[in-house]
Amino acid sequence: MKKYLAVFTGNTSARERSGWDTLNDADRSAREQKGIAAWGAWVARNQASIVDNGAPLGTTKRTGLNGVTDIKNNLAAYLVVQAETHEAAAKLFEDHPHFTIFPGDAVEIMECLPIPGM
């Protein structure tokens, strides 16, 4: 089986589409609880494919020729799965709570390739 990095993304338009910021505290809390339960169910269904549970991602710094700078990007979280094909890995995330309940945008899935010569 191959390994795939799944990166959860978020942006302003997805947040607006979800209506997250217009919810009152009680409705937001209810949606959070629904999302946490749905995410847990997703993990349980896909546990055999999950290699690394990953984590939410914090603020970003970039290090390059010009030194270290603070930047913003759309990366929100990551995890690593295994699957027979790229398509199969991507299908694991169809209807994921990240974008169906929470105000996330999408999940981007890419193969973790071997390092040449190793």
N, C-alpha and C. Protein backbone atom coordinates (compact mmCIF):
# COMPACT_ATOMS: atom_id res chain seq x y z
N MET A 1 0.84 -1.19 0.00
CA MET A 1 0.00 0.00 0.00
C MET A 1 0.88 1.24 0.00
N LYS A 2 0.38 2.27 -0.62
CA LYS A 2 1.09 3.55 -0.67
C LYS A 2 0.58 4.45 0.44
N LYS A 3 1.42 5.41 0.84
CA LYS A 3 1.02 6.39 1.85
C LYS A 3 0.65 7.70 1.17
N TYR A 4 -0.34 8.38 1.77
CA TYR A 4 -0.82 9.64 1.22
C TYR A 4 -0.97 10.66 2.34
N LEU A 5 -0.48 11.85 2.09
CA LEU A 5 -0.64 12.97 3.02
C LEU A 5 -1.95 13.67 2.67
N ALA A 6 -2.79 13.83 3.65
CA ALA A 6 -4.05 14.55 3.48
C ALA A 6 -3.93 15.87 4.23
N VAL A 7 -4.10 16.96 3.51
CA VAL A 7 -4.01 18.29 4.11
C VAL A 7 -5.40 18.93 4.07
N PHE A 8 -5.89 19.28 5.24
CA PHE A 8 -7.19 19.93 5.36
C PHE A 8 -7.00 21.42 5.15
N THR A 9 -7.80 22.00 4.27
CA THR A 9 -7.66 23.43 3.97
C THR A 9 -8.91 24.19 4.42
N GLY A 10 -8.70 25.47 4.63
CA GLY A 10 -9.80 26.35 4.98
C GLY A 10 -9.53 27.73 4.41
N ASN A 11 -10.59 28.45 4.12
CA ASN A 11 -10.43 29.82 3.63
C ASN A 11 -11.68 30.63 3.98
N THR A 12 -11.60 31.90 3.72
CA THR A 12 -12.68 32.81 4.09
C THR A 12 -13.98 32.46 3.38
N SER A 13 -13.93 32.12 2.10
CA SER A 13 -15.17 31.84 1.38
C SER A 13 -15.85 30.57 1.91
N ALA A 14 -15.07 29.56 2.30
CA ALA A 14 -15.67 28.35 2.88
C ALA A 14 -16.31 28.67 4.23
N ARG A 15 -15.64 29.49 4.99
CA ARG A 15 -16.18 29.89 6.29
C ARG A 15 -17.50 30.65 6.11
N GLU A 16 -17.53 31.56 5.13
CA GLU A 16 -18.76 32.31 4.85
C GLU A 16 -19.87 31.37 4.36
N ARG A 17 -19.52 30.44 3.46
CA ARG A 17 -20.50 29.48 2.92
C ARG A 17 -21.13 28.67 4.03
N SER A 18 -20.33 28.30 5.03
CA SER A 18 -20.83 27.45 6.12
C SER A 18 -21.77 28.21 7.07
N GLY A 19 -21.70 29.54 7.06
CA GLY A 19 -22.50 30.32 7.99
C GLY A 19 -21.99 30.26 9.42
N TRP A 20 -20.79 29.73 9.60
CA TRP A 20 -20.22 29.51 10.93
C TRP A 20 -20.22 30.76 11.79
N ASP A 21 -19.82 31.88 11.22
CA ASP A 21 -19.69 33.11 12.00
C ASP A 21 -21.02 33.79 12.30
N THR A 22 -22.08 33.33 11.67
CA THR A 22 -23.39 33.92 11.94
C THR A 22 -24.19 33.11 12.96
N LEU A 23 -23.65 31.96 13.36
CA LEU A 23 -24.34 31.13 14.34
C LEU A 23 -24.25 31.74 15.73
N ASN A 24 -25.31 31.61 16.50
CA ASN A 24 -25.22 32.04 17.90
C ASN A 24 -24.42 30.98 18.66
N ASP A 25 -24.04 31.28 19.89
CA ASP A 25 -23.18 30.38 20.66
C ASP A 25 -23.77 28.98 20.82
N ALA A 26 -25.07 28.90 21.09
CA ALA A 26 -25.71 27.60 21.30
C ALA A 26 -25.70 26.78 20.00
N ASP A 27 -26.03 27.42 18.87
CA ASP A 27 -26.04 26.70 17.60
C ASP A 27 -24.63 26.28 17.18
N ARG A 28 -23.64 27.16 17.42
CA ARG A 28 -22.26 26.82 17.09
C ARG A 28 -21.79 25.65 17.94
N SER A 29 -22.12 25.67 19.22
CA SER A 29 -21.74 24.57 20.11
C SER A 29 -22.38 23.26 19.67
N ALA A 30 -23.65 23.32 19.28
CA ALA A 30 -24.35 22.12 18.81
C ALA A 30 -23.69 21.59 17.54
N ARG A 31 -23.33 22.50 16.62
CA ARG A 31 -22.68 22.06 15.39
C ARG A 31 -21.30 21.49 15.68
N GLU A 32 -20.57 22.09 16.62
CA GLU A 32 -19.26 21.56 17.01
C GLU A 32 -19.40 20.13 17.55
N GLN A 33 -20.37 19.91 18.41
CA GLN A 33 -20.58 18.57 18.97
C GLN A 33 -20.95 17.57 17.88
N LYS A 34 -21.80 17.99 16.96
CA LYS A 34 -22.17 17.13 15.83
C LYS A 34 -20.93 16.83 14.98
N GLY A 35 -20.11 17.84 14.74
CA GLY A 35 -18.89 17.66 13.95
C GLY A 35 -17.88 16.76 14.62
N ILE A 36 -17.70 16.92 15.92
CA ILE A 36 -16.77 16.07 16.66
C ILE A 36 -17.23 14.62 16.61
N ALA A 37 -18.52 14.39 16.79
CA ALA A 37 -19.05 13.02 16.72
C ALA A 37 -18.87 12.44 15.32
N ALA A 38 -19.16 13.23 14.29
CA ALA A 38 -19.03 12.76 12.91
C ALA A 38 -17.57 12.48 12.57
N TRP A 39 -16.66 13.33 13.05
CA TRP A 39 -15.23 13.13 12.79
C TRP A 39 -14.77 11.84 13.47
N GLY A 40 -15.21 11.62 14.70
CA GLY A 40 -14.87 10.38 15.41
C GLY A 40 -15.39 9.16 14.68
N ALA A 41 -16.59 9.25 14.14
CA ALA A 41 -17.16 8.14 13.38
C ALA A 41 -16.35 7.90 12.10
N TRP A 42 -15.92 9.00 11.45
CA TRP A 42 -15.09 8.87 10.24
C TRP A 42 -13.79 8.15 10.59
N VAL A 43 -13.14 8.55 11.69
CA VAL A 43 -11.89 7.90 12.12
C VAL A 43 -12.13 6.42 12.39
N ALA A 44 -13.21 6.09 13.09
CA ALA A 44 -13.52 4.70 13.40
C ALA A 44 -13.71 3.87 12.13
N ARG A 45 -14.43 4.44 11.14
CA ARG A 45 -14.68 3.72 9.87
C ARG A 45 -13.40 3.51 9.08
N ASN A 46 -12.46 4.44 9.21
CA ASN A 46 -11.26 4.42 8.38
C ASN A 46 -9.99 4.09 9.13
N GLN A 47 -10.12 3.61 10.37
CA GLN A 47 -8.96 3.36 11.22
C GLN A 47 -7.91 2.47 10.55
N ALA A 48 -8.32 1.48 9.80
CA ALA A 48 -7.37 0.58 9.15
C ALA A 48 -6.52 1.30 8.10
N SER A 49 -7.00 2.41 7.59
CA SER A 49 -6.26 3.17 6.56
C SER A 49 -5.42 4.29 7.15
N ILE A 50 -5.65 4.66 8.40
CA ILE A 50 -4.95 5.79 8.99
C ILE A 50 -3.59 5.35 9.52
N VAL A 51 -2.54 5.97 9.00
CA VAL A 51 -1.17 5.68 9.40
C VAL A 51 -0.72 6.63 10.50
N ASP A 52 -1.12 7.89 10.40
CA ASP A 52 -0.76 8.93 11.37
C ASP A 52 -1.99 9.81 11.54
N ASN A 53 -2.49 9.92 12.77
CA ASN A 53 -3.70 10.71 13.03
C ASN A 53 -3.51 12.19 12.77
N GLY A 54 -2.29 12.64 12.62
CA GLY A 54 -2.04 14.03 12.31
C GLY A 54 -2.45 14.95 13.45
N ALA A 55 -2.73 16.22 13.09
CA ALA A 55 -3.06 17.23 14.08
C ALA A 55 -3.50 18.51 13.39
N PRO A 56 -4.16 19.38 14.15
CA PRO A 56 -4.42 20.73 13.63
C PRO A 56 -3.09 21.46 13.46
N LEU A 57 -3.06 22.42 12.55
CA LEU A 57 -1.85 23.19 12.29
C LEU A 57 -1.99 24.61 12.81
N GLY A 58 -0.92 25.13 13.39
CA GLY A 58 -0.91 26.49 13.92
C GLY A 58 -0.41 27.50 12.89
N THR A 59 0.05 28.62 13.39
CA THR A 59 0.54 29.68 12.50
C THR A 59 1.77 29.21 11.74
N THR A 60 2.07 29.90 10.64
CA THR A 60 3.12 29.47 9.73
C THR A 60 4.25 30.47 9.66
N LYS A 61 5.46 29.95 9.64
CA LYS A 61 6.66 30.73 9.34
C LYS A 61 7.29 30.11 8.11
N ARG A 62 7.87 30.95 7.28
CA ARG A 62 8.56 30.49 6.08
C ARG A 62 10.04 30.81 6.24
N THR A 63 10.88 29.83 5.94
CA THR A 63 12.33 30.06 5.95
C THR A 63 12.83 29.89 4.53
N GLY A 64 13.50 30.91 4.03
CA GLY A 64 14.03 30.89 2.67
C GLY A 64 15.29 31.73 2.58
N LEU A 65 15.67 32.07 1.37
CA LEU A 65 16.87 32.87 1.16
C LEU A 65 16.83 34.21 1.88
N ASN A 66 15.63 34.73 2.09
CA ASN A 66 15.48 36.02 2.76
C ASN A 66 15.28 35.88 4.26
N GLY A 67 15.55 34.69 4.81
CA GLY A 67 15.41 34.49 6.24
C GLY A 67 14.04 33.95 6.62
N VAL A 68 13.62 34.25 7.84
CA VAL A 68 12.37 33.73 8.40
C VAL A 68 11.32 34.83 8.37
N THR A 69 10.15 34.50 7.84
CA THR A 69 9.04 35.45 7.79
C THR A 69 7.75 34.77 8.23
N ASP A 70 6.82 35.56 8.73
CA ASP A 70 5.49 35.06 9.06
C ASP A 70 4.64 35.12 7.80
N ILE A 71 3.90 34.05 7.53
CA ILE A 71 3.01 34.03 6.36
C ILE A 71 1.67 33.44 6.75
N LYS A 72 0.70 33.57 5.87
CA LYS A 72 -0.61 32.94 6.04
C LYS A 72 -0.80 31.99 4.86
N ASN A 73 -1.47 30.88 5.13
CA ASN A 73 -1.84 29.95 4.07
C ASN A 73 -3.19 29.32 4.45
N ASN A 74 -3.66 28.42 3.64
CA ASN A 74 -4.96 27.79 3.86
C ASN A 74 -4.87 26.44 4.57
N LEU A 75 -3.70 26.08 5.08
CA LEU A 75 -3.53 24.78 5.71
C LEU A 75 -4.10 24.79 7.12
N ALA A 76 -4.94 23.81 7.44
CA ALA A 76 -5.62 23.77 8.74
C ALA A 76 -5.24 22.55 9.58
N ALA A 77 -4.97 21.42 8.94
CA ALA A 77 -4.64 20.18 9.66
C ALA A 77 -4.08 19.19 8.65
N TYR A 78 -3.57 18.07 9.16
CA TYR A 78 -3.07 17.02 8.28
C TYR A 78 -3.31 15.66 8.92
N LEU A 79 -3.24 14.62 8.11
CA LEU A 79 -3.11 13.24 8.57
C LEU A 79 -2.56 12.42 7.43
N VAL A 80 -2.13 11.20 7.72
CA VAL A 80 -1.54 10.32 6.72
C VAL A 80 -2.36 9.04 6.66
N VAL A 81 -2.74 8.65 5.44
CA VAL A 81 -3.48 7.41 5.24
C VAL A 81 -2.70 6.51 4.29
N GLN A 82 -3.11 5.26 4.26
CA GLN A 82 -2.58 4.33 3.28
C GLN A 82 -3.73 3.80 2.44
N ALA A 83 -3.44 3.57 1.17
CA ALA A 83 -4.46 3.05 0.25
C ALA A 83 -3.77 2.42 -0.94
N GLU A 84 -4.52 1.61 -1.67
CA GLU A 84 -3.97 0.95 -2.86
C GLU A 84 -3.68 1.96 -3.98
N THR A 85 -4.56 2.98 -4.10
CA THR A 85 -4.40 3.96 -5.18
C THR A 85 -4.67 5.37 -4.66
N HIS A 86 -4.24 6.34 -5.43
CA HIS A 86 -4.49 7.75 -5.11
C HIS A 86 -5.99 8.01 -5.07
N GLU A 87 -6.70 7.46 -6.03
CA GLU A 87 -8.16 7.62 -6.08
C GLU A 87 -8.82 7.04 -4.83
N ALA A 88 -8.38 5.87 -4.41
CA ALA A 88 -8.94 5.24 -3.21
C ALA A 88 -8.67 6.09 -1.98
N ALA A 89 -7.47 6.67 -1.91
CA ALA A 89 -7.15 7.54 -0.78
C ALA A 89 -8.06 8.77 -0.78
N ALA A 90 -8.25 9.36 -1.95
CA ALA A 90 -9.10 10.55 -2.05
C ALA A 90 -10.54 10.25 -1.67
N LYS A 91 -11.03 9.09 -2.07
CA LYS A 91 -12.42 8.72 -1.78
C LYS A 91 -12.69 8.56 -0.29
N LEU A 92 -11.64 8.29 0.50
CA LEU A 92 -11.82 8.19 1.95
C LEU A 92 -12.40 9.49 2.53
N PHE A 93 -12.14 10.61 1.87
CA PHE A 93 -12.50 11.92 2.41
C PHE A 93 -13.78 12.50 1.82
N GLU A 94 -14.47 11.74 0.96
CA GLU A 94 -15.74 12.22 0.44
C GLU A 94 -16.70 12.47 1.60
N ASP A 95 -17.38 13.59 1.57
CA ASP A 95 -18.37 13.97 2.59
C ASP A 95 -17.77 14.05 4.00
N HIS A 96 -16.51 14.40 4.09
CA HIS A 96 -15.84 14.50 5.40
C HIS A 96 -16.43 15.66 6.22
N PRO A 97 -16.54 15.50 7.54
CA PRO A 97 -17.09 16.56 8.40
C PRO A 97 -16.30 17.88 8.35
N HIS A 98 -15.04 17.82 7.92
CA HIS A 98 -14.23 19.05 7.83
C HIS A 98 -14.93 20.10 6.99
N PHE A 99 -15.59 19.67 5.91
CA PHE A 99 -16.27 20.64 5.04
C PHE A 99 -17.78 20.45 4.96
N THR A 100 -18.32 19.39 5.55
CA THR A 100 -19.77 19.23 5.54
C THR A 100 -20.44 19.74 6.81
N ILE A 101 -19.67 19.82 7.91
CA ILE A 101 -20.21 20.32 9.18
C ILE A 101 -19.40 21.51 9.66
N PHE A 102 -18.08 21.35 9.71
CA PHE A 102 -17.20 22.45 10.10
C PHE A 102 -17.01 23.40 8.92
N PRO A 103 -16.43 24.58 9.15
CA PRO A 103 -16.30 25.55 8.07
C PRO A 103 -15.06 25.36 7.20
N GLY A 104 -14.60 24.13 7.04
CA GLY A 104 -13.43 23.86 6.21
C GLY A 104 -13.76 23.94 4.73
N ASP A 105 -12.71 24.02 3.94
CA ASP A 105 -12.86 24.14 2.49
C ASP A 105 -12.80 22.78 1.80
N ALA A 106 -11.70 22.03 2.02
CA ALA A 106 -11.49 20.78 1.29
C ALA A 106 -10.40 19.98 1.98
N VAL A 107 -10.13 18.80 1.44
CA VAL A 107 -9.01 17.98 1.86
C VAL A 107 -8.22 17.67 0.60
N GLU A 108 -6.94 18.01 0.60
CA GLU A 108 -6.07 17.75 -0.54
C GLU A 108 -5.21 16.54 -0.21
N ILE A 109 -5.19 15.57 -1.12
CA ILE A 109 -4.51 14.31 -0.87
C ILE A 109 -3.39 14.13 -1.89
N MET A 110 -2.18 13.87 -1.37
CA MET A 110 -1.04 13.67 -2.27
C MET A 110 -0.22 12.47 -1.82
N GLU A 111 0.32 11.74 -2.79
CA GLU A 111 1.12 10.57 -2.48
C GLU A 111 2.44 10.99 -1.83
N CYS A 112 2.86 10.24 -0.83
CA CYS A 112 4.18 10.42 -0.20
C CYS A 112 5.14 9.54 -1.00
N LEU A 113 5.96 10.16 -1.81
CA LEU A 113 6.86 9.43 -2.70
C LEU A 113 8.15 9.05 -1.99
N PRO A 114 8.79 7.98 -2.45
CA PRO A 114 10.07 7.60 -1.84
C PRO A 114 11.13 8.64 -2.17
N ILE A 115 12.09 8.78 -1.27
CA ILE A 115 13.21 9.69 -1.52
C ILE A 115 14.16 8.99 -2.49
N PRO A 116 14.48 9.62 -3.61
CA PRO A 116 15.38 8.98 -4.59
C PRO A 116 16.72 8.59 -3.96
N GLY A 117 17.18 7.41 -4.28
CA GLY A 117 18.48 6.95 -3.82
C GLY A 117 18.50 6.42 -2.39
N MET A 118 17.33 6.32 -1.76
CA MET A 118 17.32 5.81 -0.38
C MET A 118 16.61 4.49 -0.30
